[in-house]
Amino acid sequence: MSSRPVSLAWVFRPDHVETEHDRVEQHAGKSVHAVGRVPDTIGRVEVVLADGARVRAYRHEVALG
């Protein structure tokens, strides 16, 4: 396991979003500060973006940036 820091970005996927589309679209591509470990009932985790915004996303939506 490497201890080197990595850069992560959140990838907005509108086909996976229900009614939150307008609220979350503005955060597409922003850097990720932290990713939650425990998914909700539909498999999304909390993602804290570098600017402090919080979104719910599937783990595959967090990508090396």
PDB file of N, CA and C in Angstrom:
ATOM      1  N   MET A   1       0.842  -1.173   0.000  1.00  0.00           N
ATOM      2  CA  MET A   1       0.000   0.000   0.000  1.00  0.00           C
ATOM      3  C   MET A   1       0.891   1.241   0.000  1.00  0.00           C
ATOM      4  N   SER A   2       0.560   2.172  -0.852  1.00  0.00           N
ATOM      5  CA  SER A   2       1.333   3.402  -0.965  1.00  0.00           C
ATOM      6  C   SER A   2       0.745   4.480  -0.069  1.00  0.00           C
ATOM      7  N   SER A   3       1.607   5.311   0.483  1.00  0.00           N
ATOM      8  CA  SER A   3       1.117   6.412   1.321  1.00  0.00           C
ATOM      9  C   SER A   3       1.205   7.739   0.578  1.00  0.00           C
ATOM     10  N   ARG A   4       1.438   7.675  -0.726  1.00  0.00           N
ATOM     11  CA  ARG A   4       1.506   8.908  -1.515  1.00  0.00           C
ATOM     12  C   ARG A   4       0.116   9.506  -1.683  1.00  0.00           C
ATOM     13  N   PRO A   5       0.016  10.821  -1.613  1.00  0.00           N
ATOM     14  CA  PRO A   5      -1.299  11.457  -1.816  1.00  0.00           C
ATOM     15  C   PRO A   5      -1.731  11.341  -3.274  1.00  0.00           C
ATOM     16  N   VAL A   6      -3.030  11.256  -3.489  1.00  0.00           N
ATOM     17  CA  VAL A   6      -3.582  11.207  -4.839  1.00  0.00           C
ATOM     18  C   VAL A   6      -4.609  12.314  -4.988  1.00  0.00           C
ATOM     19  N   SER A   7      -4.843  12.702  -6.196  1.00  0.00           N
ATOM     20  CA  SER A   7      -5.848  13.707  -6.492  1.00  0.00           C
ATOM     21  C   SER A   7      -7.099  13.007  -6.995  1.00  0.00           C
ATOM     22  N   LEU A   8      -8.234  13.301  -6.375  1.00  0.00           N
ATOM     23  CA  LEU A   8      -9.506  12.709  -6.769  1.00  0.00           C
ATOM     24  C   LEU A   8     -10.436  13.800  -7.272  1.00  0.00           C
ATOM     25  N   ALA A   9     -11.314  13.458  -8.179  1.00  0.00           N
ATOM     26  CA  ALA A   9     -12.332  14.387  -8.660  1.00  0.00           C
ATOM     27  C   ALA A   9     -13.659  13.661  -8.713  1.00  0.00           C
ATOM     28  N   TRP A  10     -14.730  14.405  -8.530  1.00  0.00           N
ATOM     29  CA  TRP A  10     -16.061  13.835  -8.606  1.00  0.00           C
ATOM     30  C   TRP A  10     -16.542  13.945 -10.037  1.00  0.00           C
ATOM     31  N   VAL A  11     -17.037  12.846 -10.586  1.00  0.00           N
ATOM     32  CA  VAL A  11     -17.529  12.806 -11.957  1.00  0.00           C
ATOM     33  C   VAL A  11     -19.042  12.817 -11.915  1.00  0.00           C
ATOM     34  N   PHE A  12     -19.653  13.894 -12.414  1.00  0.00           N
ATOM     35  CA  PHE A  12     -21.101  14.014 -12.412  1.00  0.00           C
ATOM     36  C   PHE A  12     -21.698  13.115 -13.485  1.00  0.00           C
ATOM     37  N   ARG A  13     -22.619  12.256 -13.089  1.00  0.00           N
ATOM     38  CA  ARG A  13     -23.293  11.369 -14.035  1.00  0.00           C
ATOM     39  C   ARG A  13     -24.799  11.599 -13.914  1.00  0.00           C
ATOM     40  N   PRO A  14     -25.352  12.447 -14.788  1.00  0.00           N
ATOM     41  CA  PRO A  14     -26.771  12.814 -14.650  1.00  0.00           C
ATOM     42  C   PRO A  14     -27.734  11.652 -14.771  1.00  0.00           C
ATOM     43  N   ASP A  15     -27.335  10.546 -15.397  1.00  0.00           N
ATOM     44  CA  ASP A  15     -28.235   9.400 -15.503  1.00  0.00           C
ATOM     45  C   ASP A  15     -28.432   8.692 -14.174  1.00  0.00           C
ATOM     46  N   HIS A  16     -27.617   9.014 -13.167  1.00  0.00           N
ATOM     47  CA  HIS A  16     -27.740   8.392 -11.851  1.00  0.00           C
ATOM     48  C   HIS A  16     -28.376   9.311 -10.813  1.00  0.00           C
ATOM     49  N   VAL A  17     -28.822  10.461 -11.230  1.00  0.00           N
ATOM     50  CA  VAL A  17     -29.347  11.437 -10.278  1.00  0.00           C
ATOM     51  C   VAL A  17     -30.847  11.575 -10.474  1.00  0.00           C
ATOM     52  N   GLU A  18     -31.557  11.653  -9.380  1.00  0.00           N
ATOM     53  CA  GLU A  18     -33.007  11.804  -9.470  1.00  0.00           C
ATOM     54  C   GLU A  18     -33.375  13.290  -9.495  1.00  0.00           C
ATOM     55  N   THR A  19     -33.865  13.809  -8.407  1.00  0.00           N
ATOM     56  CA  THR A  19     -34.340  15.199  -8.361  1.00  0.00           C
ATOM     57  C   THR A  19     -33.245  16.191  -7.999  1.00  0.00           C
ATOM     58  N   GLU A  20     -32.049  15.712  -7.653  1.00  0.00           N
ATOM     59  CA  GLU A  20     -30.972  16.595  -7.223  1.00  0.00           C
ATOM     60  C   GLU A  20     -30.196  17.180  -8.399  1.00  0.00           C
ATOM     61  N   HIS A  21     -30.605  16.907  -9.624  1.00  0.00           N
ATOM     62  CA  HIS A  21     -29.837  17.250 -10.817  1.00  0.00           C
ATOM     63  C   HIS A  21     -29.329  18.685 -10.818  1.00  0.00           C
ATOM     64  N   ASP A  22     -30.219  19.667 -10.658  1.00  0.00           N
ATOM     65  CA  ASP A  22     -29.805  21.071 -10.732  1.00  0.00           C
ATOM     66  C   ASP A  22     -28.845  21.449  -9.609  1.00  0.00           C
ATOM     67  N   ARG A  23     -29.037  20.882  -8.436  1.00  0.00           N
ATOM     68  CA  ARG A  23     -28.197  21.220  -7.296  1.00  0.00           C
ATOM     69  C   ARG A  23     -26.792  20.656  -7.443  1.00  0.00           C
ATOM     70  N   VAL A  24     -26.662  19.464  -7.958  1.00  0.00           N
ATOM     71  CA  VAL A  24     -25.353  18.830  -8.012  1.00  0.00           C
ATOM     72  C   VAL A  24     -24.583  19.097  -9.294  1.00  0.00           C
ATOM     73  N   GLU A  25     -25.254  19.430 -10.369  1.00  0.00           N
ATOM     74  CA  GLU A  25     -24.567  19.640 -11.647  1.00  0.00           C
ATOM     75  C   GLU A  25     -23.484  20.709 -11.539  1.00  0.00           C
ATOM     76  N   GLN A  26     -23.723  21.730 -10.730  1.00  0.00           N
ATOM     77  CA  GLN A  26     -22.749  22.816 -10.576  1.00  0.00           C
ATOM     78  C   GLN A  26     -21.438  22.353  -9.953  1.00  0.00           C
ATOM     79  N   HIS A  27     -21.411  21.184  -9.337  1.00  0.00           N
ATOM     80  CA  HIS A  27     -20.207  20.672  -8.672  1.00  0.00           C
ATOM     81  C   HIS A  27     -19.407  19.708  -9.531  1.00  0.00           C
ATOM     82  N   ALA A  28     -19.833  19.462 -10.750  1.00  0.00           N
ATOM     83  CA  ALA A  28     -19.184  18.475 -11.616  1.00  0.00           C
ATOM     84  C   ALA A  28     -17.701  18.777 -11.790  1.00  0.00           C
ATOM     85  N   GLY A  29     -16.861  17.760 -11.599  1.00  0.00           N
ATOM     86  CA  GLY A  29     -15.435  17.882 -11.826  1.00  0.00           C
ATOM     87  C   GLY A  29     -14.635  18.521 -10.714  1.00  0.00           C
ATOM     88  N   LYS A  30     -15.283  18.909  -9.630  1.00  0.00           N
ATOM     89  CA  LYS A  30     -14.551  19.536  -8.524  1.00  0.00           C
ATOM     90  C   LYS A  30     -13.686  18.517  -7.795  1.00  0.00           C
ATOM     91  N   SER A  31     -12.629  19.002  -7.193  1.00  0.00           N
ATOM     92  CA  SER A  31     -11.741  18.142  -6.419  1.00  0.00           C
ATOM     93  C   SER A  31     -12.439  17.612  -5.182  1.00  0.00           C
ATOM     94  N   VAL A  32     -12.066  16.402  -4.800  1.00  0.00           N
ATOM     95  CA  VAL A  32     -12.657  15.722  -3.651  1.00  0.00           C
ATOM     96  C   VAL A  32     -11.757  15.877  -2.438  1.00  0.00           C
ATOM     97  N   HIS A  33     -12.369  16.211  -1.305  1.00  0.00           N
ATOM     98  CA  HIS A  33     -11.633  16.296  -0.039  1.00  0.00           C
ATOM     99  C   HIS A  33     -11.730  14.974   0.719  1.00  0.00           C
ATOM    100  N   ALA A  34     -12.928  14.378   0.750  1.00  0.00           N
ATOM    101  CA  ALA A  34     -13.117  13.138   1.509  1.00  0.00           C
ATOM    102  C   ALA A  34     -14.274  12.341   0.918  1.00  0.00           C
ATOM    103  N   VAL A  35     -14.205  11.030   1.103  1.00  0.00           N
ATOM    104  CA  VAL A  35     -15.260  10.132   0.640  1.00  0.00           C
ATOM    105  C   VAL A  35     -15.703   9.283   1.816  1.00  0.00           C
ATOM    106  N   GLY A  36     -17.006   9.240   2.066  1.00  0.00           N
ATOM    107  CA  GLY A  36     -17.538   8.437   3.154  1.00  0.00           C
ATOM    108  C   GLY A  36     -17.322   6.957   2.915  1.00  0.00           C
ATOM    109  N   ARG A  37     -17.326   6.179   3.988  1.00  0.00           N
ATOM    110  CA  ARG A  37     -17.086   4.735   3.888  1.00  0.00           C
ATOM    111  C   ARG A  37     -18.362   3.923   3.846  1.00  0.00           C
ATOM    112  N   VAL A  38     -19.427   4.421   4.444  1.00  0.00           N
ATOM    113  CA  VAL A  38     -20.653   3.635   4.572  1.00  0.00           C
ATOM    114  C   VAL A  38     -21.680   4.100   3.540  1.00  0.00           C
ATOM    115  N   PRO A  39     -22.077   3.205   2.622  1.00  0.00           N
ATOM    116  CA  PRO A  39     -23.074   3.587   1.618  1.00  0.00           C
ATOM    117  C   PRO A  39     -24.484   3.623   2.196  1.00  0.00           C
ATOM    118  N   ASP A  40     -25.347   4.414   1.535  1.00  0.00           N
ATOM    119  CA  ASP A  40     -26.752   4.438   1.937  1.00  0.00           C
ATOM    120  C   ASP A  40     -27.463   3.226   1.334  1.00  0.00           C
ATOM    121  N   THR A  41     -28.777   3.188   1.413  1.00  0.00           N
ATOM    122  CA  THR A  41     -29.528   2.008   0.981  1.00  0.00           C
ATOM    123  C   THR A  41     -29.456   1.752  -0.522  1.00  0.00           C
ATOM    124  N   ILE A  42     -29.100   2.757  -1.314  1.00  0.00           N
ATOM    125  CA  ILE A  42     -28.985   2.540  -2.762  1.00  0.00           C
ATOM    126  C   ILE A  42     -27.535   2.565  -3.238  1.00  0.00           C
ATOM    127  N   GLY A  43     -26.600   2.531  -2.295  1.00  0.00           N
ATOM    128  CA  GLY A  43     -25.194   2.382  -2.654  1.00  0.00           C
ATOM    129  C   GLY A  43     -24.391   3.656  -2.810  1.00  0.00           C
ATOM    130  N   ARG A  44     -24.971   4.804  -2.456  1.00  0.00           N
ATOM    131  CA  ARG A  44     -24.215   6.060  -2.574  1.00  0.00           C
ATOM    132  C   ARG A  44     -23.514   6.383  -1.259  1.00  0.00           C
ATOM    133  N   VAL A  45     -22.380   7.058  -1.355  1.00  0.00           N
ATOM    134  CA  VAL A  45     -21.642   7.517  -0.181  1.00  0.00           C
ATOM    135  C   VAL A  45     -21.620   9.041  -0.195  1.00  0.00           C
ATOM    136  N   GLU A  46     -21.345   9.620   0.969  1.00  0.00           N
ATOM    137  CA  GLU A  46     -21.211  11.070   1.036  1.00  0.00           C
ATOM    138  C   GLU A  46     -19.828  11.459   0.529  1.00  0.00           C
ATOM    139  N   VAL A  47     -19.789  12.447  -0.342  1.00  0.00           N
ATOM    140  CA  VAL A  47     -18.537  12.963  -0.885  1.00  0.00           C
ATOM    141  C   VAL A  47     -18.439  14.432  -0.480  1.00  0.00           C
ATOM    142  N   VAL A  48     -17.343  14.787   0.192  1.00  0.00           N
ATOM    143  CA  VAL A  48     -17.094  16.178   0.564  1.00  0.00           C
ATOM    144  C   VAL A  48     -16.111  16.741  -0.451  1.00  0.00           C
ATOM    145  N   LEU A  49     -16.538  17.776  -1.146  1.00  0.00           N
ATOM    146  CA  LEU A  49     -15.695  18.390  -2.160  1.00  0.00           C
ATOM    147  C   LEU A  49     -14.747  19.392  -1.524  1.00  0.00           C
ATOM    148  N   ALA A  50     -13.703  19.766  -2.249  1.00  0.00           N
ATOM    149  CA  ALA A  50     -12.666  20.657  -1.714  1.00  0.00           C
ATOM    150  C   ALA A  50     -13.223  21.996  -1.260  1.00  0.00           C
ATOM    151  N   ASP A  51     -14.326  22.438  -1.874  1.00  0.00           N
ATOM    152  CA  ASP A  51     -14.912  23.727  -1.492  1.00  0.00           C
ATOM    153  C   ASP A  51     -15.899  23.597  -0.333  1.00  0.00           C
ATOM    154  N   GLY A  52     -16.033  22.380   0.223  1.00  0.00           N
ATOM    155  CA  GLY A  52     -16.921  22.162   1.366  1.00  0.00           C
ATOM    156  C   GLY A  52     -18.302  21.655   1.002  1.00  0.00           C
ATOM    157  N   ALA A  53     -18.660  21.670  -0.271  1.00  0.00           N
ATOM    158  CA  ALA A  53     -19.967  21.161  -0.690  1.00  0.00           C
ATOM    159  C   ALA A  53     -20.022  19.655  -0.453  1.00  0.00           C
ATOM    160  N   ARG A  54     -21.203  19.168  -0.157  1.00  0.00           N
ATOM    161  CA  ARG A  54     -21.398  17.737   0.081  1.00  0.00           C
ATOM    162  C   ARG A  54     -22.415  17.212  -0.924  1.00  0.00           C
ATOM    163  N   VAL A  55     -22.075  16.094  -1.546  1.00  0.00           N
ATOM    164  CA  VAL A  55     -22.975  15.447  -2.489  1.00  0.00           C
ATOM    165  C   VAL A  55     -23.029  13.962  -2.166  1.00  0.00           C
ATOM    166  N   ARG A  56     -24.066  13.285  -2.616  1.00  0.00           N
ATOM    167  CA  ARG A  56     -24.169  11.830  -2.493  1.00  0.00           C
ATOM    168  C   ARG A  56     -23.810  11.266  -3.854  1.00  0.00           C
ATOM    169  N   ALA A  57     -22.927  10.290  -3.894  1.00  0.00           N
ATOM    170  CA  ALA A  57     -22.469   9.742  -5.167  1.00  0.00           C
ATOM    171  C   ALA A  57     -22.145   8.268  -5.021  1.00  0.00           C
ATOM    172  N   TYR A  58     -22.166   7.580  -6.144  1.00  0.00           N
ATOM    173  CA  TYR A  58     -21.709   6.198  -6.176  1.00  0.00           C
ATOM    174  C   TYR A  58     -20.178   6.203  -6.194  1.00  0.00           C
ATOM    175  N   ARG A  59     -19.566   5.191  -5.630  1.00  0.00           N
ATOM    176  CA  ARG A  59     -18.095   5.158  -5.557  1.00  0.00           C
ATOM    177  C   ARG A  59     -17.439   5.258  -6.928  1.00  0.00           C
ATOM    178  N   HIS A  60     -18.054   4.717  -7.961  1.00  0.00           N
ATOM    179  CA  HIS A  60     -17.448   4.788  -9.289  1.00  0.00           C
ATOM    180  C   HIS A  60     -17.485   6.211  -9.868  1.00  0.00           C
ATOM    181  N   GLU A  61     -18.182   7.117  -9.198  1.00  0.00           N
ATOM    182  CA  GLU A  61     -18.215   8.504  -9.648  1.00  0.00           C
ATOM    183  C   GLU A  61     -17.066   9.321  -9.078  1.00  0.00           C
ATOM    184  N   VAL A  62     -16.278   8.737  -8.220  1.00  0.00           N
ATOM    185  CA  VAL A  62     -15.083   9.390  -7.701  1.00  0.00           C
ATOM    186  C   VAL A  62     -13.903   8.783  -8.450  1.00  0.00           C
ATOM    187  N   ALA A  63     -13.211   9.623  -9.211  1.00  0.00           N
ATOM    188  CA  ALA A  63     -12.168   9.130 -10.099  1.00  0.00           C
ATOM    189  C   ALA A  63     -10.861   9.857  -9.839  1.00  0.00           C
ATOM    190  N   LEU A  64      -9.761   9.188 -10.172  1.00  0.00           N
ATOM    191  CA  LEU A  64      -8.460   9.870 -10.108  1.00  0.00           C
ATOM    192  C   LEU A  64      -8.515  11.081 -11.018  1.00  0.00           C
ATOM    193  N   GLY A  65      -8.148  12.216 -10.463  1.00  0.00           N
ATOM    194  CA  GLY A  65      -8.220  13.465 -11.221  1.00  0.00           C
ATOM    195  C   GLY A  65      -6.879  13.979 -11.463  1.00  0.00           C
TER     196      GLY A  65
END
